[in-house]
Amino acid sequence: MTADPSQPEVEPRYVSGPLMVGLVSLPAVFVWLLFRRGYSRSLRRIVLIYAFGPSLIALILIIALALLSSALR
């Protein structure tokens, strides 16, 4: 695969210390900073799963428990 000449080369970015602290403490807020050019797709995927995975699992469990409790009545 050849590089597209219309797209300038982008220097890869690395997660800095303050950004890492933000990602660990408030991932849903700081994850959006990783959508700037230069961060890898794999890093974005991992942080998105870390940020929103627990919320999605909790939502699925709440819905499942609500359906189960209504079915038992």
Protein backbone atom coordinates (compact mmCIF):
# COMPACT_ATOMS: atom_id res chain seq x y z
CA MET A 1 0.00 0.00 0.00
CA THR A 2 1.40 3.39 -0.94
CA ALA A 3 1.04 6.55 1.03
CA ASP A 4 -1.45 9.10 -0.22
CA PRO A 5 0.54 12.15 -1.37
CA SER A 6 -2.36 14.49 -0.55
CA GLN A 7 -2.18 13.49 3.14
CA PRO A 8 0.83 14.93 4.98
CA GLU A 9 2.77 12.57 7.24
CA VAL A 10 1.67 12.83 10.86
CA GLU A 11 4.10 12.33 13.70
CA PRO A 12 2.89 9.59 16.04
CA ARG A 13 1.74 10.92 19.38
CA TYR A 14 2.35 9.28 22.71
CA VAL A 15 0.23 9.57 25.82
CA SER A 16 1.75 12.10 28.21
CA GLY A 17 1.70 11.79 31.98
CA PRO A 18 -1.10 14.29 32.63
CA LEU A 19 -3.23 12.78 29.85
CA MET A 20 -2.68 9.30 31.32
CA VAL A 21 -3.83 10.52 34.75
CA GLY A 22 -6.92 12.04 33.12
CA LEU A 23 -7.65 8.85 31.18
CA VAL A 24 -7.41 6.73 34.33
CA SER A 25 -9.42 9.07 36.56
CA LEU A 26 -12.10 10.35 34.14
CA PRO A 27 -11.84 8.23 31.00
CA ALA A 28 -15.18 9.30 29.48
CA VAL A 29 -14.02 12.94 29.54
CA PHE A 30 -10.43 12.55 28.37
CA VAL A 31 -10.95 9.82 25.75
CA TRP A 32 -12.02 12.45 23.22
CA LEU A 33 -8.51 13.94 23.24
CA LEU A 34 -7.24 10.73 21.64
CA PHE A 35 -9.23 11.44 18.47
CA ARG A 36 -6.68 14.04 17.45
CA ARG A 37 -4.37 13.05 14.62
CA GLY A 38 -1.38 10.95 15.54
CA TYR A 39 -2.81 8.53 18.11
CA SER A 40 -3.08 4.92 16.98
CA ARG A 41 -6.38 3.16 16.38
CA SER A 42 -5.51 0.40 18.81
CA LEU A 43 -4.95 2.96 21.60
CA ARG A 44 -8.30 4.58 20.82
CA ARG A 45 -10.10 1.23 20.87
CA ILE A 46 -8.55 0.16 24.17
CA VAL A 47 -9.41 3.44 25.89
CA LEU A 48 -12.95 3.48 24.48
CA ILE A 49 -13.53 -0.02 25.85
CA TYR A 50 -12.04 1.02 29.20
CA ALA A 51 -14.15 4.20 29.29
CA PHE A 52 -17.53 2.87 28.18
CA GLY A 53 -17.34 -0.91 28.63
CA PRO A 54 -18.29 -1.00 32.33
CA SER A 55 -21.24 1.35 31.71
CA LEU A 56 -22.53 -0.80 28.86
CA ILE A 57 -22.17 -3.98 30.90
CA ALA A 58 -23.99 -2.37 33.83
CA LEU A 59 -26.80 -1.21 31.53
CA ILE A 60 -27.18 -4.68 30.03
CA LEU A 61 -27.29 -6.24 33.51
CA ILE A 62 -29.90 -3.74 34.73
CA ILE A 63 -32.11 -4.45 31.71
CA ALA A 64 -31.67 -8.21 32.14
CA LEU A 65 -32.56 -8.04 35.84
CA ALA A 66 -35.62 -5.88 35.11
CA LEU A 67 -36.83 -8.34 32.49
CA LEU A 68 -36.16 -11.29 34.79
CA SER A 69 -37.99 -9.72 37.73
CA SER A 70 -41.01 -8.84 35.57
CA ALA A 71 -41.07 -12.40 34.17
CA LEU A 72 -41.08 -13.88 37.71
CA ARG A 73 -44.12 -11.86 38.82
